[in-house]
């Protein structure tokens, strides 16, 4: 009976050793995943900031495009009026 107690103690020691090794592997895996998670959060934050910057730039470009369109329209209106005035001057035969 004393022999079976030692065998049980050896089996318990083996199970505890395996559990400790498994815990150590899990801790390493957890540390690795935490590093990856941190890197991904940093990349996400960086991309979020870049997206905000690009959104502002896009809005500026849209505004400038609208202003350019307004400028072109005004220029065409002025051109049309000048052409009309020149045509009227030509009709006066001065």
N, C-alpha and C. Protein backbone atom coordinates (compact mmCIF):
# COMPACT_ATOMS: atom_id res chain seq x y z
N UNK A 1 0.80 -1.19 0.00
CA UNK A 1 0.00 0.00 0.00
C UNK A 1 0.85 1.25 0.00
N UNK A 2 1.97 1.19 0.66
CA UNK A 2 2.85 2.33 0.67
C UNK A 2 3.39 2.59 -0.71
N UNK A 3 3.56 1.53 -1.49
CA UNK A 3 4.04 1.69 -2.86
C UNK A 3 3.03 2.39 -3.74
N UNK A 4 1.74 2.11 -3.52
CA UNK A 4 0.72 2.77 -4.34
C UNK A 4 0.60 4.24 -3.97
N UNK A 5 0.89 4.59 -2.74
CA UNK A 5 0.87 5.99 -2.32
C UNK A 5 1.99 6.77 -2.99
N UNK A 6 3.15 6.15 -3.12
CA UNK A 6 4.28 6.80 -3.80
C UNK A 6 3.98 6.95 -5.28
N UNK A 7 3.35 5.92 -5.86
CA UNK A 7 2.99 5.98 -7.28
C UNK A 7 1.99 7.12 -7.50
N UNK A 8 1.01 7.21 -6.60
CA UNK A 8 0.03 8.30 -6.72
C UNK A 8 0.70 9.66 -6.55
N UNK A 9 1.67 9.73 -5.64
CA UNK A 9 2.39 10.97 -5.43
C UNK A 9 3.22 11.32 -6.67
N UNK A 10 3.84 10.31 -7.29
CA UNK A 10 4.60 10.54 -8.53
C UNK A 10 3.69 11.02 -9.66
N UNK A 11 2.51 10.40 -9.75
CA UNK A 11 1.56 10.83 -10.79
C UNK A 11 1.08 12.25 -10.54
N UNK A 12 0.84 12.57 -9.28
CA UNK A 12 0.42 13.93 -8.93
C UNK A 12 1.52 14.92 -9.27
N UNK A 13 2.77 14.56 -8.95
CA UNK A 13 3.90 15.44 -9.27
C UNK A 13 4.01 15.65 -10.77
N UNK A 14 3.82 14.57 -11.54
CA UNK A 14 3.89 14.67 -13.00
C UNK A 14 2.77 15.59 -13.53
N UNK A 15 1.57 15.43 -12.99
CA UNK A 15 0.45 16.27 -13.42
C UNK A 15 0.70 17.74 -13.06
N UNK A 16 1.25 17.97 -11.88
CA UNK A 16 1.54 19.35 -11.46
C UNK A 16 2.63 19.94 -12.35
N UNK A 17 3.64 19.15 -12.69
CA UNK A 17 4.72 19.62 -13.58
C UNK A 17 4.15 19.97 -14.95
N UNK A 18 3.32 19.10 -15.49
CA UNK A 18 2.70 19.35 -16.80
C UNK A 18 1.81 20.61 -16.74
N UNK A 19 1.07 20.75 -15.65
CA UNK A 19 0.21 21.92 -15.50
C UNK A 19 1.04 23.19 -15.42
N UNK A 20 2.15 23.14 -14.69
CA UNK A 20 3.03 24.31 -14.57
C UNK A 20 3.63 24.66 -15.93
N UNK A 21 4.04 23.65 -16.70
CA UNK A 21 4.58 23.90 -18.04
C UNK A 21 3.51 24.50 -18.94
N UNK A 22 2.31 23.98 -18.82
CA UNK A 22 1.19 24.49 -19.63
C UNK A 22 0.90 25.96 -19.25
N UNK A 23 0.91 26.25 -17.97
CA UNK A 23 0.69 27.62 -17.50
C UNK A 23 1.78 28.54 -18.04
N UNK A 24 3.02 28.08 -18.02
CA UNK A 24 4.13 28.89 -18.53
C UNK A 24 3.94 29.18 -20.02
N UNK A 25 3.52 28.16 -20.79
CA UNK A 25 3.26 28.36 -22.23
C UNK A 25 2.12 29.35 -22.43
N UNK A 26 1.09 29.22 -21.62
CA UNK A 26 -0.05 30.13 -21.74
C UNK A 26 0.34 31.56 -21.40
N UNK A 27 1.20 31.72 -20.40
CA UNK A 27 1.68 33.07 -20.05
C UNK A 27 2.47 33.67 -21.20
N UNK A 28 3.34 32.86 -21.82
CA UNK A 28 4.11 33.34 -22.97
C UNK A 28 3.19 33.73 -24.11
N UNK A 29 2.20 32.89 -24.37
CA UNK A 29 1.24 33.17 -25.44
C UNK A 29 0.45 34.44 -25.13
N UNK A 30 0.07 34.60 -23.88
CA UNK A 30 -0.66 35.79 -23.46
C UNK A 30 0.19 37.04 -23.66
N UNK A 31 1.46 36.97 -23.28
CA UNK A 31 2.37 38.11 -23.47
C UNK A 31 2.50 38.44 -24.95
N UNK A 32 2.64 37.41 -25.77
CA UNK A 32 2.76 37.62 -27.22
C UNK A 32 1.49 38.28 -27.76
N UNK A 33 0.35 37.79 -27.34
CA UNK A 33 -0.92 38.36 -27.82
C UNK A 33 -1.12 39.79 -27.32
N UNK A 34 -0.68 40.07 -26.10
CA UNK A 34 -0.77 41.44 -25.59
C UNK A 34 0.11 42.38 -26.41
N UNK A 35 1.31 41.92 -26.80
CA UNK A 35 2.19 42.75 -27.65
C UNK A 35 1.54 43.01 -29.01
N UNK A 36 0.99 41.95 -29.59
CA UNK A 36 0.33 42.09 -30.89
C UNK A 36 -0.86 43.04 -30.76
N UNK A 37 -1.63 42.88 -29.69
CA UNK A 37 -2.79 43.75 -29.47
C UNK A 37 -2.35 45.20 -29.34
N UNK A 38 -1.28 45.45 -28.59
CA UNK A 38 -0.77 46.81 -28.43
C UNK A 38 -0.34 47.38 -29.78
N UNK A 39 0.39 46.57 -30.57
CA UNK A 39 0.83 47.04 -31.89
C UNK A 39 -0.37 47.37 -32.78
N UNK A 40 -1.37 46.51 -32.75
CA UNK A 40 -2.56 46.75 -33.57
C UNK A 40 -3.32 47.99 -33.12
N UNK A 41 -3.38 48.22 -31.82
CA UNK A 41 -4.04 49.44 -31.32
C UNK A 41 -3.28 50.67 -31.77
N UNK A 42 -1.94 50.60 -31.73
CA UNK A 42 -1.13 51.74 -32.18
C UNK A 42 -1.34 51.99 -33.67
N UNK A 43 -1.36 50.91 -34.46
CA UNK A 43 -1.61 51.06 -35.90
C UNK A 43 -3.00 51.64 -36.15
N UNK A 44 -3.98 51.15 -35.39
CA UNK A 44 -5.34 51.65 -35.54
C UNK A 44 -5.40 53.14 -35.23
N UNK A 45 -4.78 53.53 -34.11
CA UNK A 45 -4.77 54.95 -33.75
C UNK A 45 -4.10 55.79 -34.82
N UNK A 46 -2.98 55.28 -35.34
CA UNK A 46 -2.26 56.00 -36.39
C UNK A 46 -3.13 56.13 -37.64
N UNK A 47 -3.78 55.04 -38.03
CA UNK A 47 -4.65 55.09 -39.20
C UNK A 47 -5.86 55.98 -38.98
N UNK A 48 -6.37 56.00 -37.76
CA UNK A 48 -7.50 56.86 -37.44
C UNK A 48 -7.11 58.33 -37.60
N UNK A 49 -5.94 58.66 -37.07
CA UNK A 49 -5.44 60.03 -37.18
C UNK A 49 -5.22 60.39 -38.65
N UNK A 50 -4.60 59.47 -39.41
CA UNK A 50 -4.35 59.71 -40.83
C UNK A 50 -5.67 59.88 -41.57
N UNK A 51 -6.68 59.08 -41.22
CA UNK A 51 -7.99 59.20 -41.84
C UNK A 51 -8.59 60.57 -41.57
N UNK A 52 -8.46 61.05 -40.33
CA UNK A 52 -8.97 62.37 -39.98
C UNK A 52 -8.26 63.45 -40.81
N UNK A 53 -6.94 63.32 -40.95
CA UNK A 53 -6.18 64.29 -41.74
C UNK A 53 -6.63 64.27 -43.20
N UNK A 54 -6.80 63.08 -43.75
CA UNK A 54 -7.22 62.96 -45.15
C UNK A 54 -8.64 63.48 -45.35
N UNK A 55 -9.48 63.27 -44.36
CA UNK A 55 -10.85 63.78 -44.45
C UNK A 55 -10.85 65.30 -44.49
N UNK A 56 -10.01 65.92 -43.64
CA UNK A 56 -9.90 67.39 -43.66
C UNK A 56 -9.35 67.87 -45.00
N UNK A 57 -8.32 67.19 -45.50
CA UNK A 57 -7.74 67.58 -46.79
C UNK A 57 -8.76 67.45 -47.91
N UNK A 58 -9.55 66.38 -47.88
CA UNK A 58 -10.58 66.17 -48.89
C UNK A 58 -11.62 67.29 -48.85
N UNK A 59 -12.00 67.68 -47.65
CA UNK A 59 -12.98 68.77 -47.51
C UNK A 59 -12.39 70.07 -48.06
N UNK A 60 -11.13 70.33 -47.79
CA UNK A 60 -10.47 71.53 -48.32
C UNK A 60 -10.46 71.47 -49.85
N UNK A 61 -10.11 70.32 -50.39
CA UNK A 61 -10.06 70.18 -51.86
C UNK A 61 -11.45 70.34 -52.48
N UNK A 62 -12.46 69.81 -51.80
CA UNK A 62 -13.82 69.98 -52.32
C UNK A 62 -14.22 71.46 -52.31
N UNK A 63 -13.88 72.15 -51.22
CA UNK A 63 -14.19 73.58 -51.12
C UNK A 63 -13.45 74.35 -52.21
N UNK A 64 -12.16 74.03 -52.38
CA UNK A 64 -11.38 74.71 -53.42
C UNK A 64 -11.94 74.40 -54.79
N UNK A 65 -12.37 73.16 -55.01
CA UNK A 65 -12.98 72.80 -56.29
C UNK A 65 -14.25 73.58 -56.54
N UNK A 66 -15.06 73.73 -55.49
CA UNK A 66 -16.29 74.51 -55.62
C UNK A 66 -15.97 75.96 -55.92
N UNK A 67 -14.97 76.51 -55.21
CA UNK A 67 -14.57 77.89 -55.46
C UNK A 67 -14.04 78.04 -56.87
N UNK A 68 -13.29 77.04 -57.33
CA UNK A 68 -12.74 77.09 -58.69
C UNK A 68 -13.88 77.07 -59.71
N UNK A 69 -14.89 76.23 -59.42
CA UNK A 69 -16.05 76.18 -60.31
C UNK A 69 -16.78 77.50 -60.33
N UNK A 70 -16.94 78.12 -59.16
CA UNK A 70 -17.59 79.43 -59.08
C UNK A 70 -16.78 80.47 -59.83
N UNK A 71 -15.45 80.41 -59.68
CA UNK A 71 -14.56 81.36 -60.36
C UNK A 71 -14.69 81.19 -61.88
N UNK A 72 -14.66 79.94 -62.34
CA UNK A 72 -14.79 79.68 -63.78
C UNK A 72 -16.13 80.17 -64.32
N UNK A 73 -17.19 79.98 -63.54
CA UNK A 73 -18.52 80.43 -63.96
C UNK A 73 -18.54 81.95 -64.06
N UNK A 74 -17.99 82.62 -63.06
CA UNK A 74 -17.95 84.09 -63.06
C UNK A 74 -17.11 84.59 -64.23
N UNK A 75 -15.98 83.94 -64.45
CA UNK A 75 -15.11 84.33 -65.57
C UNK A 75 -15.84 84.19 -66.91
N UNK A 76 -16.59 83.11 -67.06
CA UNK A 76 -17.35 82.91 -68.30
C UNK A 76 -18.45 83.96 -68.46
N UNK A 77 -19.08 84.33 -67.34
CA UNK A 77 -20.10 85.38 -67.39
C UNK A 77 -19.48 86.72 -67.81
N UNK A 78 -18.34 87.03 -67.23
CA UNK A 78 -17.65 88.29 -67.58
C UNK A 78 -17.22 88.25 -69.04
N UNK A 79 -16.70 87.12 -69.47
CA UNK A 79 -16.28 86.98 -70.87
C UNK A 79 -17.46 87.21 -71.81
N UNK A 80 -18.61 86.64 -71.45
CA UNK A 80 -19.81 86.82 -72.29
C UNK A 80 -20.24 88.28 -72.35
N UNK A 81 -20.20 88.97 -71.21
CA UNK A 81 -20.59 90.38 -71.19
C UNK A 81 -19.61 91.23 -71.99
N UNK A 82 -18.30 90.96 -71.87
CA UNK A 82 -17.30 91.71 -72.63
C UNK A 82 -17.52 91.48 -74.12
N UNK A 83 -17.80 90.25 -74.51
CA UNK A 83 -18.04 89.96 -75.93
C UNK A 83 -19.28 90.71 -76.43
N UNK A 84 -20.31 90.76 -75.56
CA UNK A 84 -21.52 91.51 -75.94
C UNK A 84 -21.19 92.99 -76.13
N UNK A 85 -20.41 93.58 -75.21
CA UNK A 85 -20.05 94.99 -75.31
C UNK A 85 -19.21 95.25 -76.56
N UNK A 86 -18.27 94.32 -76.84
CA UNK A 86 -17.45 94.48 -78.05
C UNK A 86 -18.31 94.39 -79.30
N UNK A 87 -19.27 93.52 -79.29
CA UNK A 87 -20.17 93.40 -80.44
C UNK A 87 -20.98 94.68 -80.63
N UNK A 88 -21.43 95.27 -79.52
CA UNK A 88 -22.19 96.52 -79.60
C UNK A 88 -21.29 97.65 -80.12
N UNK A 89 -20.03 97.67 -79.67
CA UNK A 89 -19.09 98.69 -80.16
C UNK A 89 -18.86 98.52 -81.67
N UNK A 90 -18.74 97.28 -82.10
CA UNK A 90 -18.55 97.01 -83.54
C UNK A 90 -19.76 97.50 -84.34
N UNK A 91 -20.95 97.40 -83.76
CA UNK A 91 -22.17 97.83 -84.45
C UNK A 91 -22.24 99.34 -84.55
N UNK A 92 -21.60 100.05 -83.61
CA UNK A 92 -21.62 101.50 -83.63
C UNK A 92 -20.79 102.05 -84.79
N UNK A 93 -19.87 101.25 -85.27
CA UNK A 93 -19.05 101.64 -86.41
C UNK A 93 -18.36 102.97 -86.15
N UNK A 94 -17.62 103.01 -85.05
CA UNK A 94 -16.94 104.24 -84.65
C UNK A 94 -15.58 104.31 -85.27
